[in-house]
Amino acid sequence: MESVGTSAMDIHLLFQYFKLEEVQWALDPFAGCGSIQQVASNWGCRVVGNDLNPRHAATAQQDATQVGFWNDFDEMGGVPAVITSCWFRLLDLLAPLVCARVTDVACLHVPPLWVTSTTEARQRWLNDLAEADRMILVTGLPVGPLGKRCAWLVVTKSPGRWRELVRHATTHTASWMALPVLRKAAADVMGGRVERS
């Protein structure tokens, strides 16, 4: 799944649900073939693409897994938004890094099991964000190119900001789940083993 581009439908649905064109600009630090940039431009959202692979037509070819990459943006006031789908095996490293460095919102394309079937450290991180009312998970996206579904994990810098970005006039076909609800569901499934430390 990691070498397959993010489906245009998944990206379109993210923009259908959230007013991301309202952010000043967004970064896709793992742009790949540029599908996020292409769909975002149709919604009036300016996305700058970066990909370490020089064969991809991104604006820059920097290593976004390094803290120095993000430090370079601090001189410009930071990165307002990130919309990305990185290699899933790097999510434990990159999701906290990206969410700590954005100044407004991070939208991460993730496998749903990354959120629901999680490690203890990841669960603590997700719990902290959920309890601060800084995240929402959008599930039920269409089946992707490899026959699997993904989700959008939307994390905001300030509590409740995700509510301001939701398009209330949109008819939603995906499922929405605020993470406190998800945490309880996970605890129920795991027999109460999901605990707050």
N, C-alpha and C. Protein backbone atom coordinates (compact mmCIF):
# COMPACT_ATOMS: atom_id res chain seq x y z
N MET A 1 0.83 -1.18 0.00
CA MET A 1 0.00 0.00 0.00
C MET A 1 0.87 1.25 0.00
N GLU A 2 2.06 1.17 0.52
CA GLU A 2 2.89 2.35 0.70
C GLU A 2 3.36 2.97 -0.61
N SER A 3 3.45 2.19 -1.67
CA SER A 3 3.94 2.73 -2.94
C SER A 3 2.81 3.19 -3.85
N VAL A 4 1.59 3.11 -3.37
CA VAL A 4 0.43 3.52 -4.17
C VAL A 4 0.04 4.94 -3.77
N GLY A 5 -0.20 5.78 -4.76
CA GLY A 5 -0.58 7.17 -4.49
C GLY A 5 -1.91 7.26 -3.77
N THR A 6 -2.10 8.34 -3.03
CA THR A 6 -3.35 8.60 -2.34
C THR A 6 -4.45 8.82 -3.37
N SER A 7 -5.58 8.17 -3.18
CA SER A 7 -6.65 8.28 -4.17
C SER A 7 -7.21 9.69 -4.21
N ALA A 8 -7.49 10.16 -5.40
CA ALA A 8 -8.05 11.51 -5.58
C ALA A 8 -9.38 11.63 -4.84
N MET A 9 -10.15 10.55 -4.77
CA MET A 9 -11.44 10.59 -4.07
C MET A 9 -11.24 10.84 -2.57
N ASP A 10 -10.26 10.18 -1.96
CA ASP A 10 -10.00 10.42 -0.54
C ASP A 10 -9.63 11.88 -0.29
N ILE A 11 -8.82 12.44 -1.17
CA ILE A 11 -8.40 13.84 -1.01
C ILE A 11 -9.58 14.77 -1.24
N HIS A 12 -10.36 14.49 -2.27
CA HIS A 12 -11.56 15.30 -2.56
C HIS A 12 -12.50 15.30 -1.36
N LEU A 13 -12.70 14.13 -0.74
CA LEU A 13 -13.60 14.05 0.41
C LEU A 13 -13.08 14.86 1.59
N LEU A 14 -11.76 14.89 1.78
CA LEU A 14 -11.20 15.71 2.84
C LEU A 14 -11.59 17.17 2.63
N PHE A 15 -11.45 17.66 1.40
CA PHE A 15 -11.80 19.05 1.10
C PHE A 15 -13.31 19.26 1.11
N GLN A 16 -14.05 18.23 0.79
CA GLN A 16 -15.51 18.34 0.85
C GLN A 16 -15.97 18.51 2.29
N TYR A 17 -15.27 17.90 3.23
CA TYR A 17 -15.65 17.95 4.63
C TYR A 17 -15.05 19.12 5.39
N PHE A 18 -13.86 19.58 4.99
CA PHE A 18 -13.16 20.63 5.73
C PHE A 18 -12.81 21.80 4.82
N LYS A 19 -12.94 23.01 5.33
CA LYS A 19 -12.66 24.24 4.58
C LYS A 19 -11.16 24.54 4.62
N LEU A 20 -10.39 23.67 4.03
CA LEU A 20 -8.93 23.83 4.08
C LEU A 20 -8.43 24.94 3.17
N GLU A 21 -9.25 25.39 2.25
CA GLU A 21 -8.85 26.51 1.41
C GLU A 21 -8.74 27.79 2.24
N GLU A 22 -9.25 27.78 3.46
CA GLU A 22 -9.17 28.95 4.33
C GLU A 22 -7.81 29.11 5.00
N VAL A 23 -6.99 28.05 4.98
CA VAL A 23 -5.65 28.19 5.56
C VAL A 23 -4.78 28.98 4.58
N GLN A 24 -3.79 29.66 5.13
CA GLN A 24 -2.93 30.51 4.30
C GLN A 24 -2.26 29.71 3.19
N TRP A 25 -1.67 28.59 3.54
CA TRP A 25 -1.07 27.65 2.58
C TRP A 25 -0.84 26.35 3.32
N ALA A 26 -0.61 25.30 2.57
CA ALA A 26 -0.39 23.98 3.17
C ALA A 26 0.86 23.35 2.56
N LEU A 27 1.41 22.41 3.29
CA LEU A 27 2.59 21.68 2.86
C LEU A 27 2.24 20.21 2.77
N ASP A 28 2.67 19.58 1.69
CA ASP A 28 2.63 18.11 1.61
C ASP A 28 4.09 17.67 1.62
N PRO A 29 4.60 17.29 2.80
CA PRO A 29 6.02 16.96 2.90
C PRO A 29 6.41 15.64 2.25
N PHE A 30 5.41 14.84 1.88
CA PHE A 30 5.65 13.54 1.24
C PHE A 30 4.77 13.47 -0.01
N ALA A 31 5.03 14.37 -0.95
CA ALA A 31 4.11 14.64 -2.05
C ALA A 31 3.97 13.50 -3.06
N GLY A 32 4.99 12.68 -3.21
CA GLY A 32 4.89 11.60 -4.18
C GLY A 32 4.53 12.12 -5.55
N CYS A 33 3.49 11.55 -6.15
CA CYS A 33 3.08 11.94 -7.50
C CYS A 33 2.32 13.25 -7.54
N GLY A 34 2.08 13.86 -6.39
CA GLY A 34 1.45 15.19 -6.37
C GLY A 34 -0.06 15.19 -6.37
N SER A 35 -0.69 14.08 -6.04
CA SER A 35 -2.16 14.02 -6.10
C SER A 35 -2.82 14.98 -5.11
N ILE A 36 -2.22 15.18 -3.94
CA ILE A 36 -2.81 16.11 -2.97
C ILE A 36 -2.76 17.54 -3.52
N GLN A 37 -1.64 17.92 -4.11
CA GLN A 37 -1.53 19.26 -4.70
C GLN A 37 -2.56 19.46 -5.81
N GLN A 38 -2.72 18.46 -6.65
CA GLN A 38 -3.64 18.57 -7.77
C GLN A 38 -5.08 18.77 -7.31
N VAL A 39 -5.53 17.95 -6.38
CA VAL A 39 -6.91 18.07 -5.89
C VAL A 39 -7.08 19.36 -5.11
N ALA A 40 -6.10 19.69 -4.26
CA ALA A 40 -6.19 20.91 -3.45
C ALA A 40 -6.33 22.15 -4.33
N SER A 41 -5.62 22.20 -5.44
CA SER A 41 -5.70 23.37 -6.31
C SER A 41 -7.11 23.54 -6.88
N ASN A 42 -7.82 22.45 -7.10
CA ASN A 42 -9.21 22.53 -7.57
C ASN A 42 -10.13 23.16 -6.52
N TRP A 43 -9.72 23.09 -5.26
CA TRP A 43 -10.51 23.67 -4.16
C TRP A 43 -9.99 25.05 -3.76
N GLY A 44 -9.00 25.56 -4.47
CA GLY A 44 -8.47 26.88 -4.17
C GLY A 44 -7.50 26.89 -3.01
N CYS A 45 -6.92 25.74 -2.69
CA CYS A 45 -5.95 25.64 -1.59
C CYS A 45 -4.56 25.51 -2.19
N ARG A 46 -3.66 26.38 -1.77
CA ARG A 46 -2.29 26.35 -2.28
C ARG A 46 -1.47 25.37 -1.44
N VAL A 47 -0.98 24.31 -2.07
CA VAL A 47 -0.18 23.30 -1.39
C VAL A 47 1.20 23.28 -2.03
N VAL A 48 2.22 23.36 -1.19
CA VAL A 48 3.60 23.24 -1.63
C VAL A 48 4.02 21.79 -1.41
N GLY A 49 4.57 21.18 -2.45
CA GLY A 49 4.95 19.78 -2.36
C GLY A 49 6.43 19.58 -2.13
N ASN A 50 6.75 18.59 -1.32
CA ASN A 50 8.13 18.18 -1.07
C ASN A 50 8.18 16.67 -1.13
N ASP A 51 9.21 16.13 -1.74
CA ASP A 51 9.41 14.68 -1.72
C ASP A 51 10.89 14.40 -1.89
N LEU A 52 11.42 13.55 -1.05
CA LEU A 52 12.84 13.25 -1.08
C LEU A 52 13.26 12.62 -2.40
N ASN A 53 12.35 11.90 -3.04
CA ASN A 53 12.64 11.23 -4.30
C ASN A 53 12.72 12.26 -5.44
N PRO A 54 13.87 12.43 -6.06
CA PRO A 54 14.01 13.44 -7.13
C PRO A 54 13.21 13.10 -8.39
N ARG A 55 12.72 11.87 -8.50
CA ARG A 55 11.89 11.52 -9.67
C ARG A 55 10.48 12.08 -9.59
N HIS A 56 10.09 12.53 -8.39
CA HIS A 56 8.77 13.13 -8.24
C HIS A 56 8.86 14.62 -8.53
N ALA A 57 7.82 15.15 -9.11
CA ALA A 57 7.82 16.55 -9.53
C ALA A 57 7.39 17.48 -8.40
N ALA A 58 8.05 17.38 -7.27
CA ALA A 58 7.74 18.24 -6.13
C ALA A 58 8.57 19.53 -6.21
N THR A 59 8.14 20.54 -5.50
CA THR A 59 8.85 21.81 -5.46
C THR A 59 10.23 21.65 -4.85
N ALA A 60 10.34 20.80 -3.82
CA ALA A 60 11.62 20.59 -3.13
C ALA A 60 11.85 19.10 -2.91
N GLN A 61 13.09 18.74 -2.74
CA GLN A 61 13.46 17.35 -2.47
C GLN A 61 14.27 17.31 -1.16
N GLN A 62 13.58 17.55 -0.05
CA GLN A 62 14.20 17.54 1.27
C GLN A 62 13.71 16.34 2.08
N ASP A 63 14.45 15.99 3.12
CA ASP A 63 14.09 14.87 3.99
C ASP A 63 13.20 15.38 5.12
N ALA A 64 11.90 15.20 4.96
CA ALA A 64 10.93 15.71 5.94
C ALA A 64 10.87 14.89 7.21
N THR A 65 11.66 13.82 7.30
CA THR A 65 11.71 13.06 8.55
C THR A 65 12.69 13.70 9.53
N GLN A 66 13.42 14.71 9.10
CA GLN A 66 14.43 15.35 9.94
C GLN A 66 13.87 16.64 10.55
N VAL A 67 14.17 16.86 11.81
CA VAL A 67 13.70 18.06 12.51
C VAL A 67 14.20 19.33 11.81
N GLY A 68 15.41 19.29 11.24
CA GLY A 68 15.96 20.44 10.54
C GLY A 68 15.08 20.92 9.39
N PHE A 69 14.42 20.00 8.72
CA PHE A 69 13.50 20.35 7.65
C PHE A 69 12.42 21.30 8.19
N TRP A 70 11.88 20.97 9.35
CA TRP A 70 10.80 21.76 9.95
C TRP A 70 11.34 23.05 10.55
N ASN A 71 12.57 23.01 11.07
CA ASN A 71 13.16 24.22 11.63
C ASN A 71 13.30 25.32 10.58
N ASP A 72 13.56 24.93 9.34
CA ASP A 72 13.70 25.93 8.27
C ASP A 72 12.44 26.76 8.08
N PHE A 73 11.28 26.18 8.39
CA PHE A 73 10.02 26.92 8.23
C PHE A 73 9.77 27.90 9.37
N ASP A 74 10.43 27.70 10.50
CA ASP A 74 10.22 28.59 11.64
C ASP A 74 10.55 30.04 11.30
N GLU A 75 11.55 30.25 10.44
CA GLU A 75 11.91 31.61 10.03
C GLU A 75 10.79 32.29 9.25
N MET A 76 9.90 31.49 8.67
CA MET A 76 8.77 32.02 7.90
C MET A 76 7.49 32.05 8.72
N GLY A 77 7.59 31.80 10.00
CA GLY A 77 6.39 31.79 10.85
C GLY A 77 5.76 30.42 10.98
N GLY A 78 6.42 29.40 10.50
CA GLY A 78 5.91 28.03 10.63
C GLY A 78 5.07 27.61 9.44
N VAL A 79 4.58 26.39 9.51
CA VAL A 79 3.74 25.82 8.46
C VAL A 79 2.29 25.86 8.95
N PRO A 80 1.41 26.63 8.28
CA PRO A 80 0.03 26.71 8.74
C PRO A 80 -0.71 25.37 8.71
N ALA A 81 -0.49 24.60 7.65
CA ALA A 81 -1.22 23.34 7.51
C ALA A 81 -0.36 22.31 6.80
N VAL A 82 -0.59 21.07 7.16
CA VAL A 82 0.02 19.94 6.46
C VAL A 82 -1.10 19.02 6.02
N ILE A 83 -1.06 18.65 4.76
CA ILE A 83 -1.98 17.65 4.21
C ILE A 83 -1.09 16.62 3.56
N THR A 84 -1.08 15.40 4.08
CA THR A 84 -0.11 14.44 3.57
C THR A 84 -0.53 13.00 3.79
N SER A 85 0.12 12.15 3.03
CA SER A 85 0.01 10.71 3.20
C SER A 85 1.43 10.16 3.10
N CYS A 86 2.05 9.96 4.26
CA CYS A 86 3.42 9.47 4.27
C CYS A 86 3.41 7.94 4.26
N TRP A 87 4.59 7.36 4.18
CA TRP A 87 4.68 5.91 4.30
C TRP A 87 4.12 5.53 5.66
N PHE A 88 3.21 4.60 5.66
CA PHE A 88 2.52 4.25 6.91
C PHE A 88 3.48 3.74 7.98
N ARG A 89 4.54 3.09 7.58
CA ARG A 89 5.47 2.57 8.58
C ARG A 89 6.25 3.69 9.29
N LEU A 90 6.16 4.91 8.79
CA LEU A 90 6.82 6.05 9.42
C LEU A 90 5.88 6.90 10.28
N LEU A 91 4.62 6.52 10.37
CA LEU A 91 3.64 7.35 11.06
C LEU A 91 3.98 7.59 12.53
N ASP A 92 4.50 6.60 13.24
CA ASP A 92 4.80 6.80 14.66
C ASP A 92 5.87 7.87 14.86
N LEU A 93 6.76 8.02 13.93
CA LEU A 93 7.77 9.07 13.97
C LEU A 93 7.20 10.40 13.49
N LEU A 94 6.49 10.36 12.36
CA LEU A 94 6.12 11.59 11.68
C LEU A 94 4.85 12.26 12.19
N ALA A 95 3.86 11.50 12.59
CA ALA A 95 2.60 12.13 13.04
C ALA A 95 2.84 13.08 14.21
N PRO A 96 3.52 12.67 15.28
CA PRO A 96 3.76 13.64 16.36
C PRO A 96 4.63 14.83 15.93
N LEU A 97 5.62 14.57 15.09
CA LEU A 97 6.48 15.65 14.60
C LEU A 97 5.67 16.67 13.80
N VAL A 98 4.89 16.19 12.84
CA VAL A 98 4.09 17.08 11.99
C VAL A 98 3.08 17.86 12.84
N CYS A 99 2.38 17.16 13.73
CA CYS A 99 1.34 17.82 14.52
C CYS A 99 1.92 18.83 15.50
N ALA A 100 3.14 18.63 15.93
CA ALA A 100 3.78 19.59 16.82
C ALA A 100 4.25 20.83 16.08
N ARG A 101 4.52 20.70 14.79
CA ARG A 101 5.12 21.80 14.05
C ARG A 101 4.13 22.66 13.27
N VAL A 102 2.92 22.18 12.99
CA VAL A 102 1.97 23.02 12.25
C VAL A 102 1.44 24.12 13.17
N THR A 103 1.08 25.24 12.57
CA THR A 103 0.53 26.35 13.36
C THR A 103 -1.00 26.35 13.36
N ASP A 104 -1.63 25.53 12.51
CA ASP A 104 -3.09 25.50 12.48
C ASP A 104 -3.63 24.06 12.45
N VAL A 105 -3.41 23.33 11.35
CA VAL A 105 -4.05 22.01 11.22
C VAL A 105 -3.17 21.04 10.44
N ALA A 106 -3.21 19.79 10.86
CA ALA A 106 -2.53 18.70 10.14
C ALA A 106 -3.58 17.67 9.75
N CYS A 107 -3.55 17.27 8.48
CA CYS A 107 -4.46 16.24 7.97
C CYS A 107 -3.59 15.08 7.49
N LEU A 108 -3.68 13.96 8.20
CA LEU A 108 -2.83 12.82 7.92
C LEU A 108 -3.68 11.66 7.40
N HIS A 109 -3.32 11.16 6.25
CA HIS A 109 -3.99 10.02 5.64
C HIS A 109 -3.40 8.77 6.27
N VAL A 110 -4.21 8.03 7.01
CA VAL A 110 -3.71 6.92 7.82
C VAL A 110 -4.57 5.68 7.63
N PRO A 111 -4.02 4.50 7.88
CA PRO A 111 -4.87 3.32 7.96
C PRO A 111 -5.67 3.38 9.26
N PRO A 112 -6.95 3.08 9.24
CA PRO A 112 -7.76 3.19 10.47
C PRO A 112 -7.19 2.38 11.64
N LEU A 113 -6.58 1.23 11.36
CA LEU A 113 -6.03 0.43 12.45
C LEU A 113 -4.86 1.12 13.15
N TRP A 114 -4.23 2.08 12.51
CA TRP A 114 -3.15 2.82 13.16
C TRP A 114 -3.70 3.58 14.37
N VAL A 115 -4.96 3.96 14.30
CA VAL A 115 -5.60 4.70 15.40
C VAL A 115 -6.29 3.76 16.38
N THR A 116 -6.92 2.73 15.89
CA THR A 116 -7.74 1.88 16.75
C THR A 116 -7.00 0.71 17.36
N SER A 117 -5.99 0.19 16.70
CA SER A 117 -5.20 -0.93 17.22
C SER A 117 -3.79 -0.40 17.39
N THR A 118 -3.49 0.12 18.56
CA THR A 118 -2.34 0.99 18.70
C THR A 118 -1.37 0.53 19.78
N THR A 119 -0.18 1.09 19.74
CA THR A 119 0.81 0.84 20.78
C THR A 119 0.48 1.72 21.99
N GLU A 120 1.09 1.43 23.11
CA GLU A 120 0.82 2.21 24.32
C GLU A 120 1.24 3.67 24.16
N ALA A 121 2.42 3.90 23.60
CA ALA A 121 2.90 5.27 23.41
C ALA A 121 2.00 6.04 22.45
N ARG A 122 1.61 5.40 21.36
CA ARG A 122 0.72 6.06 20.40
C ARG A 122 -0.64 6.35 21.04
N GLN A 123 -1.14 5.41 21.82
CA GLN A 123 -2.43 5.61 22.48
C GLN A 123 -2.37 6.79 23.44
N ARG A 124 -1.27 6.94 24.17
CA ARG A 124 -1.12 8.09 25.07
C ARG A 124 -1.14 9.40 24.28
N TRP A 125 -0.42 9.41 23.16
CA TRP A 125 -0.38 10.62 22.32
C TRP A 125 -1.77 10.96 21.78
N LEU A 126 -2.47 9.94 21.26
CA LEU A 126 -3.81 10.16 20.74
C LEU A 126 -4.77 10.59 21.86
N ASN A 127 -4.66 9.97 23.03
CA ASN A 127 -5.51 10.35 24.16
C ASN A 127 -5.30 11.81 24.54
N ASP A 128 -4.05 12.24 24.59
CA ASP A 128 -3.77 13.63 24.94
C ASP A 128 -4.40 14.59 23.95
N LEU A 129 -4.28 14.29 22.67
CA LEU A 129 -4.91 15.14 21.65
C LEU A 129 -6.42 15.12 21.76
N ALA A 130 -6.98 13.93 21.99
CA ALA A 130 -8.43 13.79 22.09
C ALA A 130 -8.97 14.55 23.29
N GLU A 131 -8.32 14.41 24.43
CA GLU A 131 -8.79 15.09 25.63
C GLU A 131 -8.66 16.59 25.53
N ALA A 132 -7.75 17.05 24.68
CA ALA A 132 -7.60 18.49 24.44
C ALA A 132 -8.56 18.98 23.35
N ASP A 133 -9.40 18.10 22.81
CA ASP A 133 -10.35 18.43 21.75
C ASP A 133 -9.64 18.98 20.51
N ARG A 134 -8.54 18.33 20.16
CA ARG A 134 -7.72 18.79 19.03
C ARG A 134 -7.77 17.85 17.84
N MET A 135 -8.59 16.80 17.87
CA MET A 135 -8.55 15.87 16.75
C MET A 135 -9.90 15.26 16.45
N ILE A 136 -10.00 14.83 15.21
CA ILE A 136 -11.17 14.08 14.75
C ILE A 136 -10.67 13.08 13.71
N LEU A 137 -11.32 11.95 13.65
CA LEU A 137 -10.98 10.90 12.69
C LEU A 137 -12.12 10.75 11.71
N VAL A 138 -11.82 10.84 10.42
CA VAL A 138 -12.82 10.65 9.38
C VAL A 138 -12.57 9.28 8.76
N THR A 139 -13.53 8.37 8.93
CA THR A 139 -13.40 7.01 8.43
C THR A 139 -14.47 6.74 7.38
N GLY A 140 -14.48 5.52 6.89
CA GLY A 140 -15.50 5.14 5.90
C GLY A 140 -15.23 5.69 4.52
N LEU A 141 -13.96 6.01 4.24
CA LEU A 141 -13.62 6.49 2.90
C LEU A 141 -13.77 5.35 1.91
N PRO A 142 -13.83 5.64 0.62
CA PRO A 142 -13.99 4.58 -0.38
C PRO A 142 -12.83 3.59 -0.34
N VAL A 143 -13.08 2.41 -0.82
CA VAL A 143 -12.03 1.40 -0.93
C VAL A 143 -10.99 1.92 -1.93
N GLY A 144 -9.72 1.85 -1.52
CA GLY A 144 -8.63 2.37 -2.33
C GLY A 144 -8.13 1.40 -3.38
N PRO A 145 -7.03 1.75 -4.05
CA PRO A 145 -6.53 0.97 -5.17
C PRO A 145 -6.09 -0.45 -4.82
N LEU A 146 -5.74 -0.68 -3.56
CA LEU A 146 -5.33 -2.04 -3.16
C LEU A 146 -6.42 -2.77 -2.40
N GLY A 147 -7.66 -2.26 -2.51
CA GLY A 147 -8.78 -2.92 -1.87
C GLY A 147 -8.90 -2.62 -0.38
N LYS A 148 -8.24 -1.57 0.10
CA LYS A 148 -8.29 -1.21 1.52
C LYS A 148 -8.80 0.22 1.66
N ARG A 149 -9.35 0.50 2.82
CA ARG A 149 -9.82 1.85 3.14
C ARG A 149 -8.80 2.55 4.02
N CYS A 150 -8.77 3.86 3.90
CA CYS A 150 -7.94 4.67 4.79
C CYS A 150 -8.84 5.62 5.55
N ALA A 151 -8.24 6.48 6.34
CA ALA A 151 -8.97 7.48 7.12
C ALA A 151 -8.16 8.77 7.11
N TRP A 152 -8.79 9.85 7.48
CA TRP A 152 -8.10 11.12 7.67
C TRP A 152 -8.08 11.43 9.15
N LEU A 153 -6.90 11.56 9.71
CA LEU A 153 -6.73 12.01 11.08
C LEU A 153 -6.46 13.51 10.99
N VAL A 154 -7.39 14.30 11.52
CA VAL A 154 -7.28 15.76 11.45
C VAL A 154 -6.97 16.26 12.86
N VAL A 155 -5.81 16.92 12.99
CA VAL A 155 -5.33 17.40 14.28
C VAL A 155 -5.11 18.90 14.18
N THR A 156 -5.70 19.65 15.10
CA THR A 156 -5.54 21.10 15.09
C THR A 156 -4.62 21.55 16.22
N LYS A 157 -4.02 22.69 16.03
CA LYS A 157 -3.12 23.25 17.04
C LYS A 157 -3.90 23.72 18.26
N SER A 158 -5.06 24.32 18.02
CA SER A 158 -5.84 24.83 19.15
C SER A 158 -7.08 23.98 19.37
N PRO A 159 -7.51 23.86 20.62
CA PRO A 159 -8.68 23.04 20.94
C PRO A 159 -9.93 23.48 20.19
N GLY A 160 -10.65 22.52 19.66
CA GLY A 160 -11.92 22.78 18.99
C GLY A 160 -11.82 23.42 17.62
N ARG A 161 -10.62 23.74 17.17
CA ARG A 161 -10.46 24.42 15.86
C ARG A 161 -11.04 23.58 14.73
N TRP A 162 -10.98 22.26 14.84
CA TRP A 162 -11.50 21.41 13.76
C TRP A 162 -12.97 21.69 13.50
N ARG A 163 -13.71 22.09 14.53
CA ARG A 163 -15.14 22.39 14.35
C ARG A 163 -15.34 23.60 13.43
N GLU A 164 -14.43 24.57 13.53
CA GLU A 164 -14.52 25.76 12.69
C GLU A 164 -14.24 25.43 11.22
N LEU A 165 -13.47 24.39 10.98
CA LEU A 165 -13.11 24.02 9.62
C LEU A 165 -14.13 23.11 8.94
N VAL A 166 -15.04 22.53 9.69
CA VAL A 166 -16.03 21.61 9.12
C VAL A 166 -17.01 22.38 8.25
N ARG A 167 -17.29 21.83 7.08
CA ARG A 167 -18.31 22.40 6.20
C ARG A 167 -19.66 21.87 6.67
N HIS A 168 -20.43 22.69 7.33
CA HIS A 168 -21.70 22.22 7.89
C HIS A 168 -22.75 21.97 6.82
N ALA A 169 -22.61 22.57 5.66
CA ALA A 169 -23.60 22.39 4.60
C ALA A 169 -23.36 21.12 3.79
N THR A 170 -22.27 20.43 4.08
CA THR A 170 -21.91 19.26 3.30
C THR A 170 -22.70 18.04 3.75
N THR A 171 -23.13 17.25 2.78
CA THR A 171 -23.72 15.96 3.09
C THR A 171 -22.58 14.98 3.25
N HIS A 172 -22.41 14.45 4.44
CA HIS A 172 -21.27 13.58 4.72
C HIS A 172 -21.61 12.12 4.45
N THR A 173 -20.75 11.47 3.68
CA THR A 173 -20.93 10.05 3.42
C THR A 173 -19.97 9.21 4.24
N ALA A 174 -18.98 9.85 4.83
CA ALA A 174 -18.02 9.13 5.66
C ALA A 174 -18.47 9.20 7.12
N SER A 175 -17.82 8.44 7.96
CA SER A 175 -18.12 8.46 9.39
C SER A 175 -17.21 9.46 10.07
N TRP A 176 -17.74 10.11 11.09
CA TRP A 176 -16.98 11.06 11.88
C TRP A 176 -16.88 10.52 13.28
N MET A 177 -15.73 10.64 13.87
CA MET A 177 -15.58 10.14 15.23
C MET A 177 -14.62 11.03 15.99
N ALA A 178 -15.14 11.70 17.00
CA ALA A 178 -14.25 12.43 17.89
C ALA A 178 -13.52 11.38 18.72
N LEU A 179 -12.27 11.62 19.01
CA LEU A 179 -11.44 10.58 19.61
C LEU A 179 -11.82 10.16 21.02
N PRO A 180 -12.45 10.98 21.86
CA PRO A 180 -12.86 10.44 23.15
C PRO A 180 -13.83 9.26 22.98
N VAL A 181 -14.69 9.35 21.97
CA VAL A 181 -15.60 8.25 21.67
C VAL A 181 -14.80 7.04 21.18
N LEU A 182 -13.81 7.31 20.34
CA LEU A 182 -12.97 6.24 19.82
C LEU A 182 -12.19 5.57 20.94
N ARG A 183 -11.69 6.35 21.87
CA ARG A 183 -10.93 5.79 22.99
C ARG A 183 -11.80 4.84 23.79
N LYS A 184 -13.06 5.22 24.06
CA LYS A 184 -13.97 4.35 24.81
C LYS A 184 -14.26 3.08 24.02
N ALA A 185 -14.46 3.23 22.70
CA ALA A 185 -14.73 2.06 21.86
C ALA A 185 -13.54 1.11 21.87
N ALA A 186 -12.34 1.67 21.79
CA ALA A 186 -11.14 0.83 21.82
C ALA A 186 -11.01 0.13 23.16
N ALA A 187 -11.32 0.85 24.24
CA ALA A 187 -11.25 0.24 25.56
C ALA A 187 -12.26 -0.90 25.68
N ASP A 188 -13.45 -0.70 25.12
CA ASP A 188 -14.46 -1.75 25.14
C ASP A 188 -14.00 -2.99 24.38
N VAL A 189 -13.41 -2.76 23.21
CA VAL A 189 -12.93 -3.87 22.38
C VAL A 189 -11.79 -4.60 23.07
N MET A 190 -10.93 -3.84 23.73
CA MET A 190 -9.75 -4.44 24.36
C MET A 190 -10.02 -4.86 25.81
N GLY A 191 -11.28 -4.89 26.21
CA GLY A 191 -11.60 -5.34 27.55
C GLY A 191 -11.12 -4.40 28.63
N GLY A 192 -11.13 -3.09 28.32
CA GLY A 192 -10.74 -2.10 29.31
C GLY A 192 -9.25 -1.90 29.48
N ARG A 193 -8.45 -2.46 28.56
CA ARG A 193 -6.99 -2.37 28.71
C ARG A 193 -6.42 -1.05 28.23
N VAL A 194 -7.23 -0.20 27.61
CA VAL A 194 -6.74 1.12 27.20
C VAL A 194 -6.92 2.05 28.38
N GLU A 195 -5.81 2.41 29.01
CA GLU A 195 -5.88 3.22 30.21
C GLU A 195 -5.13 4.52 30.02
N ARG A 196 -5.54 5.50 30.74
CA ARG A 196 -4.86 6.80 30.75
C ARG A 196 -3.73 6.74 31.74
N SER A 197 -2.51 7.05 31.30
CA SER A 197 -1.41 7.03 32.26
C SER A 197 -0.99 8.41 32.65
